[in-house]
Amino acid sequence: MGTDLPVITAGLSLYLKGDANMDEMKKIIVEFAESSKKTKFYFKDIEKAVQKVMPDAKMREIKKACTALINDGTMIYFSTGSSTMYGLKGRGMTEDPE
């Protein structure tokens, strides 16, 4: 029973490290989007920008960070009909006219 504690502790520190990575990725994504001349981005553009700063970032982790930014309202999806792009909310022509 005493051997379970280090495993749980190691798992907790790994979990907390994952949250820190997620926050860092979200920050990198927003900085990339704000500093770019473009207002809409393919996922591959975002993936390259994150991996430039965090070379060992996995595609799935980056996708989760993008989804979190969409869920909290920082970014939005933009669909061209054939492909989906990402954009910063309120920047450029990413909003649907009301």
PDB file of N, CA and C in Angstrom:
ATOM      1  N   MET A   1       0.818  -1.198   0.000  1.00  0.00           N
ATOM      2  CA  MET A   1       0.000   0.000   0.000  1.00  0.00           C
ATOM      3  C   MET A   1       0.861   1.262   0.000  1.00  0.00           C
ATOM      4  N   GLY A   2       2.000   1.231   0.676  1.00  0.00           N
ATOM      5  CA  GLY A   2       2.885   2.381   0.716  1.00  0.00           C
ATOM      6  C   GLY A   2       3.519   2.688  -0.631  1.00  0.00           C
ATOM      7  N   THR A   3       3.592   1.702  -1.516  1.00  0.00           N
ATOM      8  CA  THR A   3       4.191   1.937  -2.824  1.00  0.00           C
ATOM      9  C   THR A   3       3.264   2.691  -3.764  1.00  0.00           C
ATOM     10  N   ASP A   4       1.970   2.754  -3.431  1.00  0.00           N
ATOM     11  CA  ASP A   4       1.024   3.472  -4.290  1.00  0.00           C
ATOM     12  C   ASP A   4       1.222   4.983  -4.213  1.00  0.00           C
ATOM     13  N   LEU A   5       1.658   5.494  -3.090  1.00  0.00           N
ATOM     14  CA  LEU A   5       1.791   6.931  -2.895  1.00  0.00           C
ATOM     15  C   LEU A   5       2.754   7.589  -3.887  1.00  0.00           C
ATOM     16  N   PRO A   6       3.975   7.052  -4.095  1.00  0.00           N
ATOM     17  CA  PRO A   6       4.855   7.690  -5.072  1.00  0.00           C
ATOM     18  C   PRO A   6       4.281   7.696  -6.493  1.00  0.00           C
ATOM     19  N   VAL A   7       3.558   6.646  -6.851  1.00  0.00           N
ATOM     20  CA  VAL A   7       2.962   6.587  -8.176  1.00  0.00           C
ATOM     21  C   VAL A   7       1.914   7.677  -8.311  1.00  0.00           C
ATOM     22  N   ILE A   8       1.076   7.850  -7.307  1.00  0.00           N
ATOM     23  CA  ILE A   8       0.045   8.882  -7.326  1.00  0.00           C
ATOM     24  C   ILE A   8       0.693  10.266  -7.369  1.00  0.00           C
ATOM     25  N   THR A   9       1.735  10.458  -6.560  1.00  0.00           N
ATOM     26  CA  THR A   9       2.431  11.732  -6.534  1.00  0.00           C
ATOM     27  C   THR A   9       3.058  12.026  -7.893  1.00  0.00           C
ATOM     28  N   ALA A  10       3.685  11.011  -8.490  1.00  0.00           N
ATOM     29  CA  ALA A  10       4.295  11.208  -9.805  1.00  0.00           C
ATOM     30  C   ALA A  10       3.218  11.537 -10.834  1.00  0.00           C
ATOM     31  N   GLY A  11       2.088  10.857 -10.768  1.00  0.00           N
ATOM     32  CA  GLY A  11       0.988  11.128 -11.692  1.00  0.00           C
ATOM     33  C   GLY A  11       0.446  12.528 -11.514  1.00  0.00           C
ATOM     34  N   LEU A  12       0.352  12.996 -10.269  1.00  0.00           N
ATOM     35  CA  LEU A  12      -0.141  14.338  -9.989  1.00  0.00           C
ATOM     36  C   LEU A  12       0.812  15.389 -10.545  1.00  0.00           C
ATOM     37  N   SER A  13       2.117  15.186 -10.350  1.00  0.00           N
ATOM     38  CA  SER A  13       3.073  16.169 -10.871  1.00  0.00           C
ATOM     39  C   SER A  13       3.054  16.174 -12.396  1.00  0.00           C
ATOM     40  N   LEU A  14       2.856  15.010 -13.018  1.00  0.00           N
ATOM     41  CA  LEU A  14       2.740  14.936 -14.467  1.00  0.00           C
ATOM     42  C   LEU A  14       1.488  15.671 -14.931  1.00  0.00           C
ATOM     43  N   TYR A  15       0.378  15.506 -14.184  1.00  0.00           N
ATOM     44  CA  TYR A  15      -0.868  16.192 -14.510  1.00  0.00           C
ATOM     45  C   TYR A  15      -0.695  17.702 -14.400  1.00  0.00           C
ATOM     46  N   LEU A  16      -0.058  18.150 -13.326  1.00  0.00           N
ATOM     47  CA  LEU A  16       0.143  19.585 -13.138  1.00  0.00           C
ATOM     48  C   LEU A  16       1.064  20.153 -14.205  1.00  0.00           C
ATOM     49  N   LYS A  17       2.078  19.389 -14.600  1.00  0.00           N
ATOM     50  CA  LYS A  17       2.970  19.820 -15.672  1.00  0.00           C
ATOM     51  C   LYS A  17       2.192  19.972 -16.976  1.00  0.00           C
ATOM     52  N   GLY A  18       1.243  19.075 -17.213  1.00  0.00           N
ATOM     53  CA  GLY A  18       0.411  19.152 -18.407  1.00  0.00           C
ATOM     54  C   GLY A  18      -0.406  20.425 -18.439  1.00  0.00           C
ATOM     55  N   ASP A  19      -0.950  20.845 -17.294  1.00  0.00           N
ATOM     56  CA  ASP A  19      -1.703  22.099 -17.224  1.00  0.00           C
ATOM     57  C   ASP A  19      -0.810  23.292 -17.534  1.00  0.00           C
ATOM     58  N   ALA A  20       0.420  23.259 -17.028  1.00  0.00           N
ATOM     59  CA  ALA A  20       1.362  24.352 -17.297  1.00  0.00           C
ATOM     60  C   ALA A  20       1.681  24.403 -18.787  1.00  0.00           C
ATOM     61  N   ASN A  21       1.863  23.234 -19.408  1.00  0.00           N
ATOM     62  CA  ASN A  21       2.123  23.187 -20.849  1.00  0.00           C
ATOM     63  C   ASN A  21       0.938  23.743 -21.631  1.00  0.00           C
ATOM     64  N   MET A  22      -0.273  23.402 -21.200  1.00  0.00           N
ATOM     65  CA  MET A  22      -1.485  23.873 -21.877  1.00  0.00           C
ATOM     66  C   MET A  22      -1.551  25.398 -21.806  1.00  0.00           C
ATOM     67  N   ASP A  23      -1.293  25.967 -20.641  1.00  0.00           N
ATOM     68  CA  ASP A  23      -1.319  27.425 -20.491  1.00  0.00           C
ATOM     69  C   ASP A  23      -0.250  28.088 -21.359  1.00  0.00           C
ATOM     70  N   GLU A  24       0.931  27.483 -21.401  1.00  0.00           N
ATOM     71  CA  GLU A  24       2.017  28.021 -22.212  1.00  0.00           C
ATOM     72  C   GLU A  24       1.655  27.957 -23.698  1.00  0.00           C
ATOM     73  N   MET A  25       1.066  26.835 -24.128  1.00  0.00           N
ATOM     74  CA  MET A  25       0.656  26.693 -25.529  1.00  0.00           C
ATOM     75  C   MET A  25      -0.399  27.717 -25.900  1.00  0.00           C
ATOM     76  N   LYS A  26      -1.378  27.918 -25.012  1.00  0.00           N
ATOM     77  CA  LYS A  26      -2.427  28.893 -25.275  1.00  0.00           C
ATOM     78  C   LYS A  26      -1.826  30.290 -25.429  1.00  0.00           C
ATOM     79  N   LYS A  27      -0.865  30.609 -24.576  1.00  0.00           N
ATOM     80  CA  LYS A  27      -0.197  31.909 -24.644  1.00  0.00           C
ATOM     81  C   LYS A  27       0.545  32.062 -25.970  1.00  0.00           C
ATOM     82  N   ILE A  28       1.249  31.021 -26.397  1.00  0.00           N
ATOM     83  CA  ILE A  28       1.994  31.052 -27.654  1.00  0.00           C
ATOM     84  C   ILE A  28       1.046  31.225 -28.841  1.00  0.00           C
ATOM     85  N   ILE A  29      -0.077  30.504 -28.817  1.00  0.00           N
ATOM     86  CA  ILE A  29      -1.056  30.580 -29.904  1.00  0.00           C
ATOM     87  C   ILE A  29      -1.623  31.993 -30.025  1.00  0.00           C
ATOM     88  N   VAL A  30      -2.001  32.581 -28.897  1.00  0.00           N
ATOM     89  CA  VAL A  30      -2.571  33.938 -28.910  1.00  0.00           C
ATOM     90  C   VAL A  30      -1.524  34.955 -29.380  1.00  0.00           C
ATOM     91  N   GLU A  31      -0.291  34.821 -28.893  1.00  0.00           N
ATOM     92  CA  GLU A  31       0.771  35.739 -29.324  1.00  0.00           C
ATOM     93  C   GLU A  31       1.024  35.612 -30.823  1.00  0.00           C
ATOM     94  N   PHE A  32       1.016  34.378 -31.337  1.00  0.00           N
ATOM     95  CA  PHE A  32       1.196  34.151 -32.779  1.00  0.00           C
ATOM     96  C   PHE A  32       0.073  34.817 -33.566  1.00  0.00           C
ATOM     97  N   ALA A  33      -1.152  34.618 -33.117  1.00  0.00           N
ATOM     98  CA  ALA A  33      -2.307  35.174 -33.830  1.00  0.00           C
ATOM     99  C   ALA A  33      -2.314  36.701 -33.783  1.00  0.00           C
ATOM    100  N   GLU A  34      -1.929  37.273 -32.652  1.00  0.00           N
ATOM    101  CA  GLU A  34      -1.912  38.736 -32.519  1.00  0.00           C
ATOM    102  C   GLU A  34      -0.794  39.379 -33.337  1.00  0.00           C
ATOM    103  N   SER A  35       0.326  38.690 -33.448  1.00  0.00           N
ATOM    104  CA  SER A  35       1.471  39.292 -34.131  1.00  0.00           C
ATOM    105  C   SER A  35       1.470  39.056 -35.638  1.00  0.00           C
ATOM    106  N   SER A  36       0.608  38.178 -36.111  1.00  0.00           N
ATOM    107  CA  SER A  36       0.563  37.869 -37.536  1.00  0.00           C
ATOM    108  C   SER A  36      -0.214  38.931 -38.309  1.00  0.00           C
ATOM    109  N   LYS A  37       0.145  39.103 -39.576  1.00  0.00           N
ATOM    110  CA  LYS A  37      -0.596  40.021 -40.435  1.00  0.00           C
ATOM    111  C   LYS A  37      -1.912  39.392 -40.868  1.00  0.00           C
ATOM    112  N   LYS A  38      -1.957  38.065 -40.887  1.00  0.00           N
ATOM    113  CA  LYS A  38      -3.183  37.353 -41.265  1.00  0.00           C
ATOM    114  C   LYS A  38      -4.192  37.404 -40.115  1.00  0.00           C
ATOM    115  N   THR A  39      -5.451  37.207 -40.448  1.00  0.00           N
ATOM    116  CA  THR A  39      -6.483  37.161 -39.409  1.00  0.00           C
ATOM    117  C   THR A  39      -7.069  35.762 -39.251  1.00  0.00           C
ATOM    118  N   LYS A  40      -6.782  34.877 -40.200  1.00  0.00           N
ATOM    119  CA  LYS A  40      -7.270  33.502 -40.145  1.00  0.00           C
ATOM    120  C   LYS A  40      -6.095  32.557 -40.361  1.00  0.00           C
ATOM    121  N   PHE A  41      -6.132  31.416 -39.664  1.00  0.00           N
ATOM    122  CA  PHE A  41      -4.995  30.503 -39.699  1.00  0.00           C
ATOM    123  C   PHE A  41      -5.459  29.063 -39.849  1.00  0.00           C
ATOM    124  N   TYR A  42      -4.727  28.331 -40.672  1.00  0.00           N
ATOM    125  CA  TYR A  42      -4.914  26.884 -40.707  1.00  0.00           C
ATOM    126  C   TYR A  42      -4.274  26.308 -39.456  1.00  0.00           C
ATOM    127  N   PHE A  43      -4.740  25.130 -39.056  1.00  0.00           N
ATOM    128  CA  PHE A  43      -4.168  24.496 -37.873  1.00  0.00           C
ATOM    129  C   PHE A  43      -2.668  24.265 -38.053  1.00  0.00           C
ATOM    130  N   LYS A  44      -2.245  23.901 -39.243  1.00  0.00           N
ATOM    131  CA  LYS A  44      -0.818  23.643 -39.504  1.00  0.00           C
ATOM    132  C   LYS A  44       0.037  24.876 -39.213  1.00  0.00           C
ATOM    133  N   ASP A  45      -0.490  26.074 -39.504  1.00  0.00           N
ATOM    134  CA  ASP A  45       0.246  27.312 -39.202  1.00  0.00           C
ATOM    135  C   ASP A  45       0.437  27.459 -37.694  1.00  0.00           C
ATOM    136  N   ILE A  46      -0.632  27.189 -36.959  1.00  0.00           N
ATOM    137  CA  ILE A  46      -0.580  27.286 -35.495  1.00  0.00           C
ATOM    138  C   ILE A  46       0.364  26.225 -34.938  1.00  0.00           C
ATOM    139  N   GLU A  47       0.272  25.014 -35.469  1.00  0.00           N
ATOM    140  CA  GLU A  47       1.125  23.914 -35.012  1.00  0.00           C
ATOM    141  C   GLU A  47       2.606  24.267 -35.199  1.00  0.00           C
ATOM    142  N   LYS A  48       2.962  24.812 -36.352  1.00  0.00           N
ATOM    143  CA  LYS A  48       4.356  25.197 -36.612  1.00  0.00           C
ATOM    144  C   LYS A  48       4.827  26.281 -35.654  1.00  0.00           C
ATOM    145  N   ALA A  49       3.953  27.250 -35.375  1.00  0.00           N
ATOM    146  CA  ALA A  49       4.316  28.344 -34.463  1.00  0.00           C
ATOM    147  C   ALA A  49       4.576  27.824 -33.054  1.00  0.00           C
ATOM    148  N   VAL A  50       3.741  26.905 -32.589  1.00  0.00           N
ATOM    149  CA  VAL A  50       3.924  26.343 -31.243  1.00  0.00           C
ATOM    150  C   VAL A  50       5.182  25.484 -31.200  1.00  0.00           C
ATOM    151  N   GLN A  51       5.385  24.660 -32.223  1.00  0.00           N
ATOM    152  CA  GLN A  51       6.545  23.766 -32.221  1.00  0.00           C
ATOM    153  C   GLN A  51       7.862  24.521 -32.409  1.00  0.00           C
ATOM    154  N   LYS A  52       7.806  25.727 -32.900  1.00  0.00           N
ATOM    155  CA  LYS A  52       9.003  26.557 -32.997  1.00  0.00           C
ATOM    156  C   LYS A  52       9.494  26.923 -31.595  1.00  0.00           C
ATOM    157  N   VAL A  53       8.548  27.165 -30.677  1.00  0.00           N
ATOM    158  CA  VAL A  53       8.876  27.537 -29.305  1.00  0.00           C
ATOM    159  C   VAL A  53       8.982  26.300 -28.402  1.00  0.00           C
ATOM    160  N   MET A  54       8.097  25.333 -28.635  1.00  0.00           N
ATOM    161  CA  MET A  54       8.068  24.093 -27.845  1.00  0.00           C
ATOM    162  C   MET A  54       8.225  22.911 -28.812  1.00  0.00           C
ATOM    163  N   PRO A  55       9.459  22.565 -29.174  1.00  0.00           N
ATOM    164  CA  PRO A  55       9.690  21.560 -30.220  1.00  0.00           C
ATOM    165  C   PRO A  55       9.079  20.184 -29.943  1.00  0.00           C
ATOM    166  N   ASP A  56       8.915  19.815 -28.690  1.00  0.00           N
ATOM    167  CA  ASP A  56       8.372  18.487 -28.394  1.00  0.00           C
ATOM    168  C   ASP A  56       6.855  18.495 -28.173  1.00  0.00           C
ATOM    169  N   ALA A  57       6.186  19.584 -28.517  1.00  0.00           N
ATOM    170  CA  ALA A  57       4.722  19.650 -28.393  1.00  0.00           C
ATOM    171  C   ALA A  57       4.077  18.731 -29.422  1.00  0.00           C
ATOM    172  N   LYS A  58       3.121  17.946 -28.984  1.00  0.00           N
ATOM    173  CA  LYS A  58       2.421  17.006 -29.857  1.00  0.00           C
ATOM    174  C   LYS A  58       1.214  17.676 -30.500  1.00  0.00           C
ATOM    175  N   MET A  59       0.832  17.195 -31.684  1.00  0.00           N
ATOM    176  CA  MET A  59      -0.293  17.761 -32.408  1.00  0.00           C
ATOM    177  C   MET A  59      -1.565  17.743 -31.561  1.00  0.00           C
ATOM    178  N   ARG A  60      -1.822  16.640 -30.886  1.00  0.00           N
ATOM    179  CA  ARG A  60      -3.043  16.506 -30.082  1.00  0.00           C
ATOM    180  C   ARG A  60      -3.087  17.539 -28.957  1.00  0.00           C
ATOM    181  N   GLU A  61      -1.939  17.800 -28.316  1.00  0.00           N
ATOM    182  CA  GLU A  61      -1.877  18.797 -27.241  1.00  0.00           C
ATOM    183  C   GLU A  61      -2.183  20.199 -27.788  1.00  0.00           C
ATOM    184  N   ILE A  62      -1.649  20.489 -28.971  1.00  0.00           N
ATOM    185  CA  ILE A  62      -1.875  21.794 -29.588  1.00  0.00           C
ATOM    186  C   ILE A  62      -3.350  21.940 -29.968  1.00  0.00           C
ATOM    187  N   LYS A  63      -3.935  20.871 -30.481  1.00  0.00           N
ATOM    188  CA  LYS A  63      -5.354  20.878 -30.849  1.00  0.00           C
ATOM    189  C   LYS A  63      -6.213  21.124 -29.607  1.00  0.00           C
ATOM    190  N   LYS A  64      -5.858  20.499 -28.483  1.00  0.00           N
ATOM    191  CA  LYS A  64      -6.606  20.715 -27.237  1.00  0.00           C
ATOM    192  C   LYS A  64      -6.491  22.165 -26.770  1.00  0.00           C
ATOM    193  N   ALA A  65      -5.307  22.756 -26.940  1.00  0.00           N
ATOM    194  CA  ALA A  65      -5.119  24.162 -26.556  1.00  0.00           C
ATOM    195  C   ALA A  65      -5.977  25.074 -27.437  1.00  0.00           C
ATOM    196  N   CYS A  66      -6.037  24.781 -28.733  1.00  0.00           N
ATOM    197  CA  CYS A  66      -6.887  25.567 -29.639  1.00  0.00           C
ATOM    198  C   CYS A  66      -8.355  25.441 -29.245  1.00  0.00           C
ATOM    199  N   THR A  67      -8.778  24.231 -28.941  1.00  0.00           N
ATOM    200  CA  THR A  67     -10.165  23.997 -28.532  1.00  0.00           C
ATOM    201  C   THR A  67     -10.479  24.747 -27.239  1.00  0.00           C
ATOM    202  N   ALA A  68      -9.538  24.752 -26.300  1.00  0.00           N
ATOM    203  CA  ALA A  68      -9.742  25.483 -25.045  1.00  0.00           C
ATOM    204  C   ALA A  68      -9.887  26.981 -25.311  1.00  0.00           C
ATOM    205  N   LEU A  69      -9.098  27.511 -26.242  1.00  0.00           N
ATOM    206  CA  LEU A  69      -9.206  28.940 -26.583  1.00  0.00           C
ATOM    207  C   LEU A  69     -10.538  29.253 -27.257  1.00  0.00           C
ATOM    208  N   ILE A  70     -11.048  28.329 -28.033  1.00  0.00           N
ATOM    209  CA  ILE A  70     -12.360  28.514 -28.654  1.00  0.00           C
ATOM    210  C   ILE A  70     -13.447  28.449 -27.595  1.00  0.00           C
ATOM    211  N   ASN A  71     -13.340  27.480 -26.686  1.00  0.00           N
ATOM    212  CA  ASN A  71     -14.335  27.327 -25.629  1.00  0.00           C
ATOM    213  C   ASN A  71     -14.384  28.524 -24.693  1.00  0.00           C
ATOM    214  N   ASP A  72     -13.237  29.162 -24.438  1.00  0.00           N
ATOM    215  CA  ASP A  72     -13.270  30.326 -23.537  1.00  0.00           C
ATOM    216  C   ASP A  72     -13.516  31.641 -24.278  1.00  0.00           C
ATOM    217  N   GLY A  73     -13.720  31.567 -25.609  1.00  0.00           N
ATOM    218  CA  GLY A  73     -14.112  32.756 -26.364  1.00  0.00           C
ATOM    219  C   GLY A  73     -12.973  33.596 -26.896  1.00  0.00           C
ATOM    220  N   THR A  74     -11.734  33.162 -26.732  1.00  0.00           N
ATOM    221  CA  THR A  74     -10.595  33.929 -27.231  1.00  0.00           C
ATOM    222  C   THR A  74     -10.468  33.808 -28.736  1.00  0.00           C
ATOM    223  N   MET A  75     -10.708  32.600 -29.239  1.00  0.00           N
ATOM    224  CA  MET A  75     -10.626  32.347 -30.676  1.00  0.00           C
ATOM    225  C   MET A  75     -11.961  31.814 -31.181  1.00  0.00           C
ATOM    226  N   ILE A  76     -12.123  31.850 -32.507  1.00  0.00           N
ATOM    227  CA  ILE A  76     -13.324  31.292 -33.118  1.00  0.00           C
ATOM    228  C   ILE A  76     -12.923  30.475 -34.349  1.00  0.00           C
ATOM    229  N   TYR A  77     -13.824  29.576 -34.734  1.00  0.00           N
ATOM    230  CA  TYR A  77     -13.655  28.838 -35.985  1.00  0.00           C
ATOM    231  C   TYR A  77     -14.122  29.721 -37.127  1.00  0.00           C
ATOM    232  N   PHE A  78     -13.507  29.542 -38.277  1.00  0.00           N
ATOM    233  CA  PHE A  78     -13.955  30.195 -39.490  1.00  0.00           C
ATOM    234  C   PHE A  78     -13.988  29.122 -40.562  1.00  0.00           C
ATOM    235  N   SER A  79     -15.144  28.885 -41.133  1.00  0.00           N
ATOM    236  CA  SER A  79     -15.282  27.843 -42.133  1.00  0.00           C
ATOM    237  C   SER A  79     -15.427  28.443 -43.515  1.00  0.00           C
ATOM    238  N   THR A  80     -14.642  27.921 -44.440  1.00  0.00           N
ATOM    239  CA  THR A  80     -14.733  28.358 -45.836  1.00  0.00           C
ATOM    240  C   THR A  80     -15.638  27.417 -46.622  1.00  0.00           C
ATOM    241  N   GLY A  81     -16.146  26.412 -45.972  1.00  0.00           N
ATOM    242  CA  GLY A  81     -16.960  25.408 -46.635  1.00  0.00           C
ATOM    243  C   GLY A  81     -16.162  24.156 -46.916  1.00  0.00           C
ATOM    244  N   SER A  82     -14.908  24.333 -47.328  1.00  0.00           N
ATOM    245  CA  SER A  82     -14.071  23.174 -47.617  1.00  0.00           C
ATOM    246  C   SER A  82     -13.016  22.943 -46.543  1.00  0.00           C
ATOM    247  N   SER A  83     -12.730  23.966 -45.769  1.00  0.00           N
ATOM    248  CA  SER A  83     -11.745  23.811 -44.699  1.00  0.00           C
ATOM    249  C   SER A  83     -12.109  24.719 -43.535  1.00  0.00           C
ATOM    250  N   THR A  84     -11.589  24.360 -42.374  1.00  0.00           N
ATOM    251  CA  THR A  84     -11.842  25.138 -41.164  1.00  0.00           C
ATOM    252  C   THR A  84     -10.568  25.862 -40.773  1.00  0.00           C
ATOM    253  N   MET A  85     -10.721  27.130 -40.447  1.00  0.00           N
ATOM    254  CA  MET A  85      -9.585  27.939 -40.023  1.00  0.00           C
ATOM    255  C   MET A  85      -9.886  28.488 -38.631  1.00  0.00           C
ATOM    256  N   TYR A  86      -8.873  29.034 -38.007  1.00  0.00           N
ATOM    257  CA  TYR A  86      -9.002  29.632 -36.685  1.00  0.00           C
ATOM    258  C   TYR A  86      -8.741  31.121 -36.804  1.00  0.00           C
ATOM    259  N   GLY A  87      -9.381  31.907 -35.948  1.00  0.00           N
ATOM    260  CA  GLY A  87      -9.146  33.339 -35.918  1.00  0.00           C
ATOM    261  C   GLY A  87      -9.343  33.882 -34.520  1.00  0.00           C
ATOM    262  N   LEU A  88      -8.699  34.999 -34.225  1.00  0.00           N
ATOM    263  CA  LEU A  88      -8.921  35.674 -32.947  1.00  0.00           C
ATOM    264  C   LEU A  88     -10.277  36.351 -32.991  1.00  0.00           C
ATOM    265  N   LYS A  89     -11.043  36.184 -31.954  1.00  0.00           N
ATOM    266  CA  LYS A  89     -12.364  36.802 -31.913  1.00  0.00           C
ATOM    267  C   LYS A  89     -12.222  38.321 -31.958  1.00  0.00           C
ATOM    268  N   GLY A  90     -12.976  38.950 -32.866  1.00  0.00           N
ATOM    269  CA  GLY A  90     -12.964  40.399 -32.973  1.00  0.00           C
ATOM    270  C   GLY A  90     -11.874  40.970 -33.849  1.00  0.00           C
ATOM    271  N   ARG A  91     -11.044  40.121 -34.428  1.00  0.00           N
ATOM    272  CA  ARG A  91      -9.954  40.620 -35.274  1.00  0.00           C
ATOM    273  C   ARG A  91     -10.221  40.243 -36.722  1.00  0.00           C
ATOM    274  N   GLY A  92     -10.251  41.207 -37.605  1.00  0.00           N
ATOM    275  CA  GLY A  92     -10.455  40.947 -39.022  1.00  0.00           C
ATOM    276  C   GLY A  92     -11.892  40.573 -39.322  1.00  0.00           C
ATOM    277  N   MET A  93     -12.102  39.935 -40.430  1.00  0.00           N
ATOM    278  CA  MET A  93     -13.433  39.543 -40.877  1.00  0.00           C
ATOM    279  C   MET A  93     -13.754  38.126 -40.411  1.00  0.00           C
ATOM    280  N   THR A  94     -13.657  37.885 -39.117  1.00  0.00           N
ATOM    281  CA  THR A  94     -13.923  36.555 -38.582  1.00  0.00           C
ATOM    282  C   THR A  94     -15.293  36.459 -37.946  1.00  0.00           C
ATOM    283  N   GLU A  95     -15.950  37.582 -37.766  1.00  0.00           N
ATOM    284  CA  GLU A  95     -17.268  37.595 -37.126  1.00  0.00           C
ATOM    285  C   GLU A  95     -18.371  37.478 -38.153  1.00  0.00           C
ATOM    286  N   ASP A  96     -19.431  36.772 -37.811  1.00  0.00           N
ATOM    287  CA  ASP A  96     -20.614  36.732 -38.665  1.00  0.00           C
ATOM    288  C   ASP A  96     -21.366  38.046 -38.499  1.00  0.00           C
ATOM    289  N   PRO A  97     -21.783  38.705 -39.592  1.00  0.00           N
ATOM    290  CA  PRO A  97     -22.547  39.943 -39.450  1.00  0.00           C
ATOM    291  C   PRO A  97     -23.903  39.654 -38.814  1.00  0.00           C
ATOM    292  N   GLU A  98     -24.328  40.530 -37.937  1.00  0.00           N
ATOM    293  CA  GLU A  98     -25.616  40.313 -37.250  1.00  0.00           C
ATOM    294  C   GLU A  98     -26.722  41.108 -37.890  1.00  0.00           C
TER     295      GLU A  98
END
